[in-house]
Every structure is written in C-alpha cells, then in structure tokens.
C-alpha atoms as a PDB file:
ATOM      1  CA  UNK A   1      -0.122   0.172   0.147  1.00  0.00           C
ATOM      2  CA  UNK A   2       1.255   3.139  -1.374  1.00  0.00           C
ATOM      3  CA  UNK A   3       1.096   6.866  -0.060  1.00  0.00           C
ATOM      4  CA  UNK A   4       2.299   9.985   0.085  1.00  0.00           C
ATOM      5  CA  UNK A   5       1.972  12.861   2.591  1.00  0.00           C
ATOM      6  CA  UNK A   6       0.531  14.887   3.707  1.00  0.00           C
ATOM      7  CA  UNK A   7      -2.426  12.690   4.341  1.00  0.00           C
ATOM      8  CA  UNK A   8      -5.805  13.950   2.710  1.00  0.00           C
ATOM      9  CA  UNK A   9      -7.722  13.809   6.584  1.00  0.00           C
ATOM     10  CA  UNK A  10      -7.816  11.484   9.687  1.00  0.00           C
ATOM     11  CA  UNK A  11      -9.552   9.264   7.943  1.00  0.00           C
ATOM     12  CA  UNK A  12      -7.386   7.779   5.174  1.00  0.00           C
ATOM     13  CA  UNK A  13      -4.605   7.768   7.420  1.00  0.00           C
ATOM     14  CA  UNK A  14      -6.711   6.232   9.340  1.00  0.00           C
ATOM     15  CA  UNK A  15      -7.751   3.408   6.981  1.00  0.00           C
ATOM     16  CA  UNK A  16      -3.848   3.482   5.375  1.00  0.00           C
ATOM     17  CA  UNK A  17      -2.957   1.971   9.568  1.00  0.00           C
ATOM     18  CA  UNK A  18      -6.479  -0.344   8.995  1.00  0.00           C
ATOM     19  CA  UNK A  19      -4.240  -1.975   6.798  1.00  0.00           C
ATOM     20  CA  UNK A  20      -1.351  -2.316   7.658  1.00  0.00           C
ATOM     21  CA  UNK A  21      -2.703  -4.101  10.670  1.00  0.00           C
ATOM     22  CA  UNK A  22      -4.938  -6.180   8.890  1.00  0.00           C
ATOM     23  CA  UNK A  23      -3.319  -9.218  10.599  1.00  0.00           C
ATOM     24  CA  UNK A  24      -4.930  -8.601  13.669  1.00  0.00           C
ATOM     25  CA  UNK A  25      -7.880  -9.019  11.988  1.00  0.00           C
ATOM     26  CA  UNK A  26      -9.917 -12.023  14.314  1.00  0.00           C
ATOM     27  CA  UNK A  27      -8.565 -11.431  17.326  1.00  0.00           C
ATOM     28  CA  UNK A  28     -10.396  -8.644  18.600  1.00  0.00           C
ATOM     29  CA  UNK A  29      -8.368  -5.859  19.473  1.00  0.00           C
ATOM     30  CA  UNK A  30      -8.779  -3.363  21.798  1.00  0.00           C
ATOM     31  CA  UNK A  31      -8.478  -0.319  20.121  1.00  0.00           C
ATOM     32  CA  UNK A  32      -7.216   2.621  22.259  1.00  0.00           C
ATOM     33  CA  UNK A  33      -7.085   6.299  20.937  1.00  0.00           C
ATOM     34  CA  UNK A  34      -5.743   9.332  22.698  1.00  0.00           C
ATOM     35  CA  UNK A  35      -7.910  11.997  22.574  1.00  0.00           C
ATOM     36  CA  UNK A  36      -9.499  14.094  21.189  1.00  0.00           C
ATOM     37  CA  UNK A  37      -8.358  13.776  17.343  1.00  0.00           C
ATOM     38  CA  UNK A  38      -7.638  10.179  17.864  1.00  0.00           C
ATOM     39  CA  UNK A  39     -10.530   8.839  17.887  1.00  0.00           C
ATOM     40  CA  UNK A  40     -12.286   9.042  14.911  1.00  0.00           C
ATOM     41  CA  UNK A  41      -9.256   7.205  13.956  1.00  0.00           C
ATOM     42  CA  UNK A  42      -9.676   4.660  16.652  1.00  0.00           C
ATOM     43  CA  UNK A  43     -13.529   4.144  15.046  1.00  0.00           C
ATOM     44  CA  UNK A  44     -12.852   3.386  11.726  1.00  0.00           C
ATOM     45  CA  UNK A  45      -9.687   0.892  12.507  1.00  0.00           C
ATOM     46  CA  UNK A  46     -11.281  -1.041  15.807  1.00  0.00           C
ATOM     47  CA  UNK A  47     -14.402  -1.387  12.757  1.00  0.00           C
ATOM     48  CA  UNK A  48     -11.728  -2.409  10.052  1.00  0.00           C
ATOM     49  CA  UNK A  49     -10.287  -5.283  12.628  1.00  0.00           C
ATOM     50  CA  UNK A  50     -13.416  -6.018  13.861  1.00  0.00           C
ATOM     51  CA  UNK A  51     -12.092  -4.531  17.472  1.00  0.00           C
ATOM     52  CA  UNK A  52     -13.424  -2.910  20.269  1.00  0.00           C
ATOM     53  CA  UNK A  53     -13.137   0.812  20.756  1.00  0.00           C
ATOM     54  CA  UNK A  54     -11.866   2.815  23.726  1.00  0.00           C
ATOM     55  CA  UNK A  55      -9.818   5.553  25.313  1.00  0.00           C
ATOM     56  CA  UNK A  56      -6.978   6.104  27.075  1.00  0.00           C
ATOM     57  CA  UNK A  57      -6.687   9.122  29.127  1.00  0.00           C
ATOM     58  CA  UNK A  58      -3.039  11.278  29.280  1.00  0.00           C
ATOM     59  CA  UNK A  59      -2.514  15.182  28.592  1.00  0.00           C
ATOM     60  CA  UNK A  60       0.654  17.013  27.423  1.00  0.00           C
ATOM     61  CA  UNK A  61       2.141  19.003  29.675  1.00  0.00           C
ATOM     62  CA  UNK A  62       2.847  22.656  28.104  1.00  0.00           C
ATOM     63  CA  UNK A  63       6.018  24.845  28.620  1.00  0.00           C
ATOM     64  CA  UNK A  64       5.618  28.026  30.655  1.00  0.00           C
ATOM     65  CA  UNK A  65       7.103  30.158  27.542  1.00  0.00           C
ATOM     66  CA  UNK A  66       5.253  28.113  24.581  1.00  0.00           C
ATOM     67  CA  UNK A  67       2.150  26.401  25.164  1.00  0.00           C
ATOM     68  CA  UNK A  68       2.505  24.389  21.540  1.00  0.00           C
ATOM     69  CA  UNK A  69       5.757  22.592  23.147  1.00  0.00           C
ATOM     70  CA  UNK A  70       4.838  19.495  24.842  1.00  0.00           C
ATOM     71  CA  UNK A  71       7.665  19.411  28.270  1.00  0.00           C
ATOM     72  CA  UNK A  72       5.567  15.928  28.907  1.00  0.00           C
ATOM     73  CA  UNK A  73       2.669  14.681  29.605  1.00  0.00           C
ATOM     74  CA  UNK A  74       0.906  12.842  32.585  1.00  0.00           C
ATOM     75  CA  UNK A  75      -1.695   9.368  32.635  1.00  0.00           C
ATOM     76  CA  UNK A  76      -4.892  10.140  34.530  1.00  0.00           C
ATOM     77  CA  UNK A  77      -3.391   7.743  37.259  1.00  0.00           C
ATOM     78  CA  UNK A  78      -1.083  10.778  37.772  1.00  0.00           C
ATOM     79  CA  UNK A  79       1.943   9.140  36.279  1.00  0.00           C
ATOM     80  CA  UNK A  80       4.215  11.719  34.131  1.00  0.00           C
ATOM     81  CA  UNK A  81       6.767  11.529  31.418  1.00  0.00           C
ATOM     82  CA  UNK A  82       8.683  14.531  30.725  1.00  0.00           C
ATOM     83  CA  UNK A  83      10.442  14.767  27.552  1.00  0.00           C
ATOM     84  CA  UNK A  84      13.954  13.931  27.029  1.00  0.00           C
ATOM     85  CA  UNK A  85      14.937  17.881  26.338  1.00  0.00           C
ATOM     86  CA  UNK A  86      12.807  18.678  29.420  1.00  0.00           C
ATOM     87  CA  UNK A  87      15.924  20.401  31.046  1.00  0.00           C
ATOM     88  CA  UNK A  88      16.986  22.876  28.300  1.00  0.00           C
ATOM     89  CA  UNK A  89      12.888  24.427  28.567  1.00  0.00           C
ATOM     90  CA  UNK A  90      13.964  26.432  31.099  1.00  0.00           C
ATOM     91  CA  UNK A  91      10.960  24.831  32.604  1.00  0.00           C
ATOM     92  CA  UNK A  92      10.487  24.895  36.710  1.00  0.00           C
ATOM     93  CA  UNK A  93       9.137  21.725  38.543  1.00  0.00           C
ATOM     94  CA  UNK A  94       6.369  24.467  40.192  1.00  0.00           C
ATOM     95  CA  UNK A  95       5.777  24.792  36.891  1.00  0.00           C
ATOM     96  CA  UNK A  96       5.202  20.951  36.342  1.00  0.00           C
ATOM     97  CA  UNK A  97       3.306  20.142  39.544  1.00  0.00           C
ATOM     98  CA  UNK A  98       0.418  23.310  38.369  1.00  0.00           C
ATOM     99  CA  UNK A  99       0.163  21.777  35.132  1.00  0.00           C
ATOM    100  CA  UNK A 100      -0.165  18.159  35.897  1.00  0.00           C
ATOM    101  CA  UNK A 101      -2.627  19.371  38.487  1.00  0.00           C
ATOM    102  CA  UNK A 102      -4.854  20.688  35.613  1.00  0.00           C
ATOM    103  CA  UNK A 103      -4.411  17.979  33.365  1.00  0.00           C
ATOM    104  CA  UNK A 104      -5.715  15.966  36.210  1.00  0.00           C
ATOM    105  CA  UNK A 105      -8.131  17.327  36.822  1.00  0.00           C
ATOM    106  CA  UNK A 106      -9.261  17.957  33.387  1.00  0.00           C
ATOM    107  CA  UNK A 107      -9.167  14.309  32.239  1.00  0.00           C
ATOM    108  CA  UNK A 108     -11.127  13.204  35.657  1.00  0.00           C
ATOM    109  CA  UNK A 109     -13.886  15.467  34.435  1.00  0.00           C
ATOM    110  CA  UNK A 110     -13.295  13.637  30.635  1.00  0.00           C
ATOM    111  CA  UNK A 111     -13.148  10.260  32.057  1.00  0.00           C
ATOM    112  CA  UNK A 112     -16.611  11.110  33.660  1.00  0.00           C
ATOM    113  CA  UNK A 113     -18.499  12.636  29.996  1.00  0.00           C
ATOM    114  CA  UNK A 114     -16.879   9.858  28.581  1.00  0.00           C
ATOM    115  CA  UNK A 115     -17.636   6.752  30.499  1.00  0.00           C
ATOM    116  CA  UNK A 116     -21.326   8.230  31.625  1.00  0.00           C
ATOM    117  CA  UNK A 117     -22.798   4.906  29.941  1.00  0.00           C
ATOM    118  CA  UNK A 118     -19.783   2.630  30.228  1.00  0.00           C
ATOM    119  CA  UNK A 119     -17.240   1.968  32.334  1.00  0.00           C
ATOM    120  CA  UNK A 120     -13.394   1.662  30.671  1.00  0.00           C
ATOM    121  CA  UNK A 121     -12.326  -1.541  29.359  1.00  0.00           C
ATOM    122  CA  UNK A 122      -9.846  -3.321  30.864  1.00  0.00           C
ATOM    123  CA  UNK A 123      -7.241  -4.178  28.115  1.00  0.00           C
ATOM    124  CA  UNK A 124      -5.369  -6.881  31.105  1.00  0.00           C
ATOM    125  CA  UNK A 125      -4.580  -9.666  28.729  1.00  0.00           C
ATOM    126  CA  UNK A 126      -5.547  -8.466  25.768  1.00  0.00           C
ATOM    127  CA  UNK A 127      -4.137  -6.771  22.789  1.00  0.00           C
ATOM    128  CA  UNK A 128      -4.344  -3.453  22.681  1.00  0.00           C
ATOM    129  CA  UNK A 129      -3.583  -1.305  19.855  1.00  0.00           C
ATOM    130  CA  UNK A 130      -2.975   2.740  20.933  1.00  0.00           C
ATOM    131  CA  UNK A 131      -3.452   4.734  18.202  1.00  0.00           C
ATOM    132  CA  UNK A 132      -2.300   8.753  17.666  1.00  0.00           C
ATOM    133  CA  UNK A 133      -3.173  11.314  15.080  1.00  0.00           C
ATOM    134  CA  UNK A 134       0.867  12.200  15.159  1.00  0.00           C
ATOM    135  CA  UNK A 135       3.378  12.555  17.080  1.00  0.00           C
ATOM    136  CA  UNK A 136       5.559  15.702  17.568  1.00  0.00           C
ATOM    137  CA  UNK A 137       7.406  14.554  21.454  1.00  0.00           C
ATOM    138  CA  UNK A 138       6.373  11.076  21.745  1.00  0.00           C
ATOM    139  CA  UNK A 139       6.096  12.651  25.201  1.00  0.00           C
ATOM    140  CA  UNK A 140       1.935  11.941  25.433  1.00  0.00           C
ATOM    141  CA  UNK A 141       2.114   8.378  23.375  1.00  0.00           C
ATOM    142  CA  UNK A 142       5.474   7.182  26.175  1.00  0.00           C
ATOM    143  CA  UNK A 143       2.920   8.088  29.032  1.00  0.00           C
ATOM    144  CA  UNK A 144      -0.274   5.867  27.492  1.00  0.00           C
ATOM    145  CA  UNK A 145       2.473   3.305  26.704  1.00  0.00           C
ATOM    146  CA  UNK A 146       3.655   3.372  30.552  1.00  0.00           C
ATOM    147  CA  UNK A 147       0.703   3.117  32.285  1.00  0.00           C
ATOM    148  CA  UNK A 148      -0.993   0.277  29.893  1.00  0.00           C
ATOM    149  CA  UNK A 149       2.326  -1.830  30.615  1.00  0.00           C
ATOM    150  CA  UNK A 150       1.194  -1.833  34.456  1.00  0.00           C
ATOM    151  CA  UNK A 151      -1.796  -3.020  33.537  1.00  0.00           C
ATOM    152  CA  UNK A 152      -0.178  -6.791  31.263  1.00  0.00           C
ATOM    153  CA  UNK A 153      -1.681  -5.995  28.039  1.00  0.00           C
ATOM    154  CA  UNK A 154      -0.679  -9.429  26.306  1.00  0.00           C
ATOM    155  CA  UNK A 155       0.614  -8.166  23.710  1.00  0.00           C
ATOM    156  CA  UNK A 156       0.905  -3.836  23.151  1.00  0.00           C
ATOM    157  CA  UNK A 157       1.405  -1.896  20.081  1.00  0.00           C
ATOM    158  CA  UNK A 158       1.616   1.948  19.106  1.00  0.00           C
ATOM    159  CA  UNK A 159      -0.140   2.970  15.529  1.00  0.00           C
ATOM    160  CA  UNK A 160       0.562   6.119  13.991  1.00  0.00           C
ATOM    161  CA  UNK A 161       0.699   7.775  10.500  1.00  0.00           C
ATOM    162  CA  UNK A 162       3.132  10.011  10.991  1.00  0.00           C
ATOM    163  CA  UNK A 163       5.771  10.724  13.721  1.00  0.00           C
ATOM    164  CA  UNK A 164       9.331  12.450  14.275  1.00  0.00           C
ATOM    165  CA  UNK A 165      11.982  10.113  14.002  1.00  0.00           C
ATOM    166  CA  UNK A 166      13.358  11.444  17.758  1.00  0.00           C
ATOM    167  CA  UNK A 167       9.110  10.175  19.138  1.00  0.00           C
ATOM    168  CA  UNK A 168      10.191   6.778  17.542  1.00  0.00           C
ATOM    169  CA  UNK A 169      13.288   6.869  18.919  1.00  0.00           C
ATOM    170  CA  UNK A 170      11.563   7.152  22.861  1.00  0.00           C
ATOM    171  CA  UNK A 171       8.252   4.703  22.482  1.00  0.00           C
ATOM    172  CA  UNK A 172       9.704   1.954  20.382  1.00  0.00           C
ATOM    173  CA  UNK A 173      11.147   0.285  23.820  1.00  0.00           C
ATOM    174  CA  UNK A 174       8.068   0.656  25.259  1.00  0.00           C
ATOM    175  CA  UNK A 175       5.813  -1.004  22.978  1.00  0.00           C
ATOM    176  CA  UNK A 176       5.798  -4.432  21.194  1.00  0.00           C
ATOM    177  CA  UNK A 177       5.807  -2.938  17.748  1.00  0.00           C
ATOM    178  CA  UNK A 178       5.368   0.615  16.752  1.00  0.00           C
ATOM    179  CA  UNK A 179       3.472   0.930  13.205  1.00  0.00           C
ATOM    180  CA  UNK A 180       4.523   3.989  11.809  1.00  0.00           C
ATOM    181  CA  UNK A 181       3.929   4.801   8.416  1.00  0.00           C
ATOM    182  CA  UNK A 182       5.817   8.186   8.188  1.00  0.00           C
ATOM    183  CA  UNK A 183       8.647   9.420   9.814  1.00  0.00           C
ATOM    184  CA  UNK A 184      10.365  12.547   8.037  1.00  0.00           C
ATOM    185  CA  UNK A 185      13.531  13.777   8.853  1.00  0.00           C
ATOM    186  CA  UNK A 186      12.618  16.922   8.999  1.00  0.00           C
ATOM    187  CA  UNK A 187       9.270  17.021  10.464  1.00  0.00           C
ATOM    188  CA  UNK A 188       6.865  19.581  11.002  1.00  0.00           C
ATOM    189  CA  UNK A 189       4.368  19.705  13.174  1.00  0.00           C
ATOM    190  CA  UNK A 190       1.346  17.012  12.987  1.00  0.00           C
ATOM    191  CA  UNK A 191      -1.009  19.229  11.077  1.00  0.00           C
ATOM    192  CA  UNK A 192       1.295  19.939   8.528  1.00  0.00           C
ATOM    193  CA  UNK A 193       1.066  16.681   7.101  1.00  0.00           C
ATOM    194  CA  UNK A 194      -2.500  16.365   6.570  1.00  0.00           C
ATOM    195  CA  UNK A 195      -4.158  18.509   3.726  1.00  0.00           C
ATOM    196  CA  UNK A 196      -7.634  18.374   6.349  1.00  0.00           C
ATOM    197  CA  UNK A 197      -6.681  18.598  10.001  1.00  0.00           C
ATOM    198  CA  UNK A 198      -9.590  20.246  12.008  1.00  0.00           C
ATOM    199  CA  UNK A 199     -10.236  19.831  15.621  1.00  0.00           C
ATOM    200  CA  UNK A 200     -12.199  17.183  16.978  1.00  0.00           C
ATOM    201  CA  UNK A 201     -14.531  18.053  19.346  1.00  0.00           C
ATOM    202  CA  UNK A 202     -15.536  16.371  22.739  1.00  0.00           C
ATOM    203  CA  UNK A 203     -19.359  16.285  21.572  1.00  0.00           C
ATOM    204  CA  UNK A 204     -17.795  14.142  18.555  1.00  0.00           C
ATOM    205  CA  UNK A 205     -16.251  11.961  21.000  1.00  0.00           C
ATOM    206  CA  UNK A 206     -19.267  11.488  23.111  1.00  0.00           C
ATOM    207  CA  UNK A 207     -21.171  10.404  20.294  1.00  0.00           C
ATOM    208  CA  UNK A 208     -18.803   7.635  18.686  1.00  0.00           C
ATOM    209  CA  UNK A 209     -17.983   6.185  22.359  1.00  0.00           C
ATOM    210  CA  UNK A 210     -21.742   6.274  23.096  1.00  0.00           C
ATOM    211  CA  UNK A 211     -22.107   4.169  19.509  1.00  0.00           C
ATOM    212  CA  UNK A 212     -20.155   1.504  20.596  1.00  0.00           C
END
C-alpha cells in the first residue's frame, strides 16, 4: 500500500493504518485512542479489525513559554513522563506540578463524561493498539504506553500515521511493536502532514464512544 504525504485527512490516515494492521483482524483487538483527535481514527481502525474501541487518557504538559511545546505528559493516574529535552526548556518543576494538577482535573472530568454510560475497558490480557494522529515529541504516547504496560496487556502496539524520528525512538522500547507509516527527517507540526486537520470536539468524541 503506497501513499505520499500529506494525508488527505484523519480518515485517510486511519484507513492506511488499518491496512497495515489487517493481520490482527479476528483477534478482537482493543483499540485505545488518545483524545481527542485520534478517536475518529480509532473507530475506523476498530471497525476495520472487528475490534473494540475505548480511550486512554493522557495529556501533554505544556511549556510555560510556548504552550504548543510539550515538555512532558501525564496519564489519568498521575504517572508523569518528562521529555528528554526537558532540562533545556527552562521550565520549572513548580510549573510542571501546577500543570499536572490541572491536567489531572481535566482528565477526571473527561473520564466522567466519556464513561457516563459505559465503564473503561480493562486491557489486561488483551491485544492492545494505542492510536494517535501523529507524534511530535512522543511524550504523550510514551505516557500512555507506560500506563498501559502496568495493566498487563498480552501485546501492546503503538500505531500512528506520522511521527518525528526522535519520537519513534522514544516510544520503541515501550511497545511490543510500533506501526508508523512515515517518519520524515524534516518533521513539521503534526497538522502540516495533513491536507485537512480540523479540531475534534468533545461532543464528537462522546458521540463516537456512546455509539460503541
């Protein structure tokens, strides 16, 4: 299956990922999407593989100077992953602690909203595929993989359409397999590798999860 960057949209990227993961059809994989952007992609992949869809909640910790720069990430249980370049960002640990508390509060609200009519799926003993729409630093995916590994999945796969090479290197030891369609040397922002990359709303995420 050949393609050229940029992807048309998330649906295009998800369909390509599903094709690369097609050997897993029939094993009822648990597809865990990182909200919000990856949730529609996760649904496409889960549908294609006859799998089950849920979310894994992780949030980036932004730099105090540049909110677009992630200096780390935290999962909903409070486990934190700082970026390898953290010490070069001149970000204080006081800022990190403040952001950690804020992101935990947000994830608690999201879990309550997403799980209003369904309990989170237990990944223990499951074939788990963690999906994101792209990796710039890899910190968020790394935090997700560490959190899930502790819950003892049978196999843990990270699946992304595009990533910076350093991000792939960061997450590779944390997964049993990394499926990354493109890792361009001159990586741009994730959105620059898509022709159409709209924000995904909370309402869209909730609708997708409640339809499962």
